[in-house]
Amino acid sequence: MAEAGVASRRKAELLVTQGRVRINKEIVTDLSTQVNSPDDLVELDGNPVSISKTKNSGKIIALFKPAGYLTSHADKHHDKIIFDLLPQEFSLYKFAGRLDLSSRGLIFLSDSGDTIQNLTHPSHGPEKEYRVELESPLDAFKVAKEFRIGIRDDGDTLRAVSVEPRRGSSKVFQIILKEGKKRQIRRMFAKLDARVKDLLRTRIGNCNLASLNIKEGEYCEISIDMVYN
């Protein structure tokens, strides 16, 4: 289901457990069930799902997302999405994690659901590093203490692995996250009554923008070894 581009892997798992998926006219609820042949009939809510007969390449591309582009395949409320920056051949690629509309930085995309799962799984997904500039100065000691202890917001406990002020500034911070939740950094600073002026994701795992040497809106192909080794 995820490989076919119908839904994310987690959403596909939910659809299966809800009994909404059939293979060859039989309802499937076991998440370990495999589609053994391209000729198998897969249906979601009675509608056929097109399963590619060609194996995905497992290719990974790194994109330097500019601000103002939505991390999505389509959205009727926004004119610009990240796929506008990419050739048509990448139009069905899935992305590993999001950056919100106003944020910039590194995003990985791949045609392999297994690769995306590997890059986003909470237990072994790579850490992510951000450069965050605030609109007004904030006590660096307080930020580091609160972020490492954890901040409660909307039922989530939001934590950072590391928080460091940049070049002695109390407006610019280097933040490392292991498991990022939706708009996590902005939510954490908002709890400290601070507004983010600029948020740039500079690194995922061992892969960083500086070594990739790409500008905003540009992309390049990478290997999984560049992320974990």
Protein backbone atom coordinates (compact mmCIF):
# COMPACT_ATOMS: atom_id res chain seq x y z
CA MET A 1 0.00 0.00 0.00
CA ALA A 2 2.77 2.42 0.93
CA GLU A 3 4.85 1.45 -2.10
CA ALA A 4 1.83 2.15 -4.32
CA GLY A 5 1.64 5.68 -2.96
CA VAL A 6 -1.84 5.22 -1.46
CA ALA A 7 -0.83 6.20 2.06
CA SER A 8 2.10 6.38 4.44
CA ARG A 9 3.27 3.08 5.91
CA ARG A 10 1.63 3.81 9.27
CA LYS A 11 -1.63 4.89 7.63
CA ALA A 12 -1.56 1.77 5.44
CA GLU A 13 -1.19 -0.39 8.55
CA LEU A 14 -4.26 1.29 10.05
CA LEU A 15 -6.28 0.70 6.88
CA VAL A 16 -5.39 -3.00 7.00
CA THR A 17 -6.32 -3.42 10.68
CA GLN A 18 -9.64 -1.67 9.98
CA GLY A 19 -10.49 -4.40 7.46
CA ARG A 20 -10.62 -1.97 4.53
CA VAL A 21 -8.10 -3.84 2.38
CA ARG A 22 -8.76 -6.93 0.24
CA ILE A 23 -6.32 -9.11 -1.67
CA ASN A 24 -7.93 -11.23 -4.37
CA LYS A 25 -11.37 -10.44 -2.91
CA GLU A 26 -10.45 -11.57 0.63
CA ILE A 27 -10.28 -9.12 3.53
CA VAL A 28 -6.77 -8.85 5.00
CA THR A 29 -6.14 -7.80 8.60
CA ASP A 30 -2.74 -9.43 9.19
CA LEU A 31 0.01 -6.83 8.76
CA SER A 32 2.51 -9.52 7.74
CA THR A 33 0.49 -10.43 4.62
CA GLN A 34 2.51 -9.99 1.42
CA VAL A 35 1.43 -9.25 -2.14
CA ASN A 36 3.15 -12.14 -3.92
CA SER A 37 2.49 -11.21 -7.51
CA PRO A 38 1.92 -8.04 -9.55
CA ASP A 39 -1.18 -9.81 -10.84
CA ASP A 40 -2.74 -10.00 -7.36
CA LEU A 41 -5.83 -7.82 -7.04
CA VAL A 42 -5.44 -5.34 -4.18
CA GLU A 43 -8.45 -3.22 -3.23
CA LEU A 44 -9.00 -0.41 -0.74
CA ASP A 45 -12.66 0.17 0.15
CA GLY A 46 -13.55 -1.79 -3.00
CA ASN A 47 -11.36 0.32 -5.29
CA PRO A 48 -8.38 -1.30 -7.07
CA VAL A 49 -4.91 -0.25 -5.99
CA SER A 50 -2.32 -0.14 -8.75
CA ILE A 51 0.77 -2.13 -7.78
CA SER A 52 3.90 -1.40 -9.80
CA LYS A 53 5.40 -4.39 -11.62
CA THR A 54 8.89 -2.89 -11.42
CA LYS A 55 11.04 -2.97 -8.32
CA ASN A 56 11.73 0.39 -6.72
CA SER A 57 15.31 1.54 -7.11
CA GLY A 58 15.89 2.48 -3.47
CA LYS A 59 17.39 5.75 -4.68
CA ILE A 60 17.59 8.56 -2.13
CA ILE A 61 17.73 12.23 -3.00
CA ALA A 62 18.56 15.09 -0.65
CA LEU A 63 16.64 18.33 -1.22
CA PHE A 64 17.45 21.75 0.24
CA LYS A 65 13.89 22.96 0.85
CA PRO A 66 13.38 26.73 0.74
CA ALA A 67 10.83 28.50 2.92
CA GLY A 68 7.41 28.86 1.33
CA TYR A 69 7.23 25.32 -0.09
CA LEU A 70 4.88 22.78 1.45
CA THR A 71 6.19 19.28 2.19
CA SER A 72 3.39 17.49 0.37
CA HIS A 73 2.49 15.86 -2.94
CA ALA A 74 -0.48 18.18 -3.40
CA ASP A 75 -2.47 20.77 -1.49
CA LYS A 76 -5.33 22.87 -2.82
CA HIS A 77 -4.57 25.65 -0.34
CA HIS A 78 -0.92 26.15 -1.36
CA ASP A 79 0.52 26.98 -4.76
CA LYS A 80 4.04 25.75 -4.06
CA ILE A 81 5.03 22.23 -2.98
CA ILE A 82 8.47 20.64 -2.77
CA PHE A 83 7.80 18.52 -5.87
CA ASP A 84 7.66 21.71 -7.94
CA LEU A 85 11.41 21.85 -7.35
CA LEU A 86 12.03 18.34 -8.68
CA PRO A 87 11.90 16.65 -12.10
CA GLN A 88 8.79 14.63 -12.97
CA GLU A 89 10.66 11.36 -12.37
CA PHE A 90 10.55 12.06 -8.62
CA SER A 91 6.83 12.94 -8.48
CA LEU A 92 5.85 9.73 -6.66
CA TYR A 93 8.77 9.69 -4.24
CA LYS A 94 7.94 9.64 -0.54
CA PHE A 95 9.61 11.97 1.94
CA ALA A 96 11.25 11.12 5.25
CA GLY A 97 9.84 13.62 7.70
CA ARG A 98 8.52 17.09 7.02
CA LEU A 99 9.59 20.68 7.34
CA ASP A 100 6.76 23.15 7.88
CA LEU A 101 5.95 25.82 5.31
CA SER A 102 8.16 28.51 6.85
CA SER A 103 11.14 26.26 7.57
CA ARG A 104 14.16 25.55 5.36
CA GLY A 105 16.69 22.80 5.09
CA LEU A 106 17.47 19.18 4.37
CA ILE A 107 14.78 16.68 3.37
CA PHE A 108 15.30 13.13 2.11
CA LEU A 109 13.05 11.49 -0.50
CA SER A 110 13.01 7.95 -1.89
CA ASP A 111 10.90 5.62 -4.02
CA SER A 112 11.41 2.86 -1.46
CA GLY A 113 8.99 2.56 1.43
CA ASP A 114 11.52 0.44 3.34
CA THR A 115 14.13 3.18 3.01
CA ILE A 116 11.68 5.81 4.23
CA GLN A 117 10.72 3.59 7.16
CA ASN A 118 14.38 3.16 8.04
CA LEU A 119 14.94 6.91 8.00
CA THR A 120 11.88 7.78 10.10
CA HIS A 121 11.48 4.92 12.58
CA PRO A 122 11.64 6.27 16.17
CA SER A 123 14.01 3.55 17.39
CA HIS A 124 16.75 3.89 14.77
CA GLY A 125 16.03 7.00 12.74
CA PRO A 126 19.00 9.40 12.50
CA GLU A 127 19.25 12.50 14.66
CA LYS A 128 18.54 15.88 13.08
CA GLU A 129 20.34 19.16 13.64
CA TYR A 130 18.81 22.64 13.28
CA ARG A 131 20.00 26.24 13.30
CA VAL A 132 17.27 28.36 14.88
CA GLU A 133 17.19 32.16 14.98
CA LEU A 134 14.75 33.89 17.32
CA GLU A 135 13.16 37.30 16.90
CA SER A 136 14.31 38.36 20.38
CA PRO A 137 17.09 37.22 22.76
CA LEU A 138 16.34 34.42 25.21
CA ASP A 139 18.31 33.16 28.19
CA ALA A 140 20.47 30.36 26.78
CA PHE A 141 20.73 28.50 30.11
CA LYS A 142 16.94 28.45 30.47
CA VAL A 143 16.47 27.19 26.91
CA ALA A 144 18.98 24.36 27.37
CA LYS A 145 17.54 23.32 30.72
CA GLU A 146 13.88 23.33 29.64
CA PHE A 147 14.52 21.65 26.30
CA ARG A 148 16.53 18.79 27.79
CA ILE A 149 14.11 18.17 30.65
CA GLY A 150 11.16 18.22 28.27
CA ILE A 151 8.31 20.61 27.60
CA ARG A 152 4.69 19.48 27.75
CA ASP A 153 2.47 20.71 24.93
CA ASP A 154 -0.85 19.37 23.67
CA GLY A 155 -0.31 15.97 25.27
CA ASP A 156 3.28 15.59 23.99
CA THR A 157 6.55 15.75 25.89
CA LEU A 158 8.96 17.60 23.61
CA ARG A 159 12.69 17.16 24.24
CA ALA A 160 15.96 18.02 22.55
CA VAL A 161 19.13 15.93 22.68
CA SER A 162 21.35 19.01 22.64
CA VAL A 163 20.92 22.80 22.76
CA GLU A 164 23.80 25.21 22.24
CA PRO A 165 23.85 28.98 21.63
CA ARG A 166 25.73 29.89 18.44
CA ARG A 167 28.79 32.14 18.82
CA GLY A 168 27.65 33.36 22.20
CA SER A 169 24.37 34.67 20.78
CA SER A 170 21.18 34.45 22.79
CA LYS A 171 19.10 34.63 19.60
CA VAL A 172 20.70 31.83 17.55
CA PHE A 173 20.73 28.22 18.76
CA GLN A 174 21.98 24.89 17.46
CA ILE A 175 19.46 22.19 18.38
CA ILE A 176 19.65 18.42 17.90
CA LEU A 177 16.54 16.24 17.96
CA LYS A 178 16.30 12.46 17.86
CA GLU A 179 12.55 12.04 17.38
CA GLY A 180 10.88 15.10 15.93
CA LYS A 181 7.18 15.74 16.36
CA LYS A 182 5.09 18.12 14.26
CA ARG A 183 6.46 21.68 14.50
CA GLN A 184 8.35 20.57 17.60
CA ILE A 185 10.98 23.31 17.81
CA ARG A 186 8.50 26.12 17.17
CA ARG A 187 6.15 24.68 19.81
CA MET A 188 8.97 24.42 22.36
CA PHE A 189 10.07 28.02 21.90
CA ALA A 190 6.44 29.19 21.95
CA LYS A 191 6.13 27.68 25.44
CA LEU A 192 8.99 29.97 26.46
CA ASP A 193 7.18 32.94 24.90
CA ALA A 194 9.69 33.15 22.05
CA ARG A 195 9.06 33.40 18.30
CA VAL A 196 11.21 31.68 15.70
CA LYS A 197 12.46 33.98 12.95
CA ASP A 198 14.28 31.35 10.89
CA LEU A 199 14.54 27.57 11.19
CA LEU A 200 17.09 25.69 9.10
CA ARG A 201 17.64 21.91 9.23
CA THR A 202 21.35 21.56 8.56
CA ARG A 203 21.97 17.86 9.15
CA ILE A 204 20.29 14.45 9.15
CA GLY A 205 22.49 11.71 10.60
CA ASN A 206 25.99 12.24 9.18
CA CYS A 207 24.70 13.99 6.04
CA ASN A 208 24.82 17.79 6.17
CA LEU A 209 24.13 20.66 3.81
CA ALA A 210 27.72 21.92 3.93
CA SER A 211 29.17 18.67 2.60
CA LEU A 212 26.43 18.24 -0.02
CA ASN A 213 27.21 21.70 -1.41
CA ILE A 214 23.67 22.36 -2.67
CA LYS A 215 21.81 25.66 -2.64
CA GLU A 216 18.19 26.32 -1.67
CA GLY A 217 15.86 24.61 -4.14
CA GLU A 218 18.59 22.23 -5.36
CA TYR A 219 18.89 18.47 -4.84
CA CYS A 220 21.43 15.69 -5.25
CA GLU A 221 21.48 11.90 -5.03
CA ILE A 222 22.94 10.33 -1.88
CA SER A 223 23.47 6.84 -0.47
CA ILE A 224 22.18 5.43 2.80
CA ASP A 225 25.81 5.10 3.92
CA MET A 226 26.16 8.88 3.81
CA VAL A 227 23.45 9.10 6.49
CA TYR A 228 24.60 6.41 8.93
CA ASN A 229 28.36 6.12 8.40
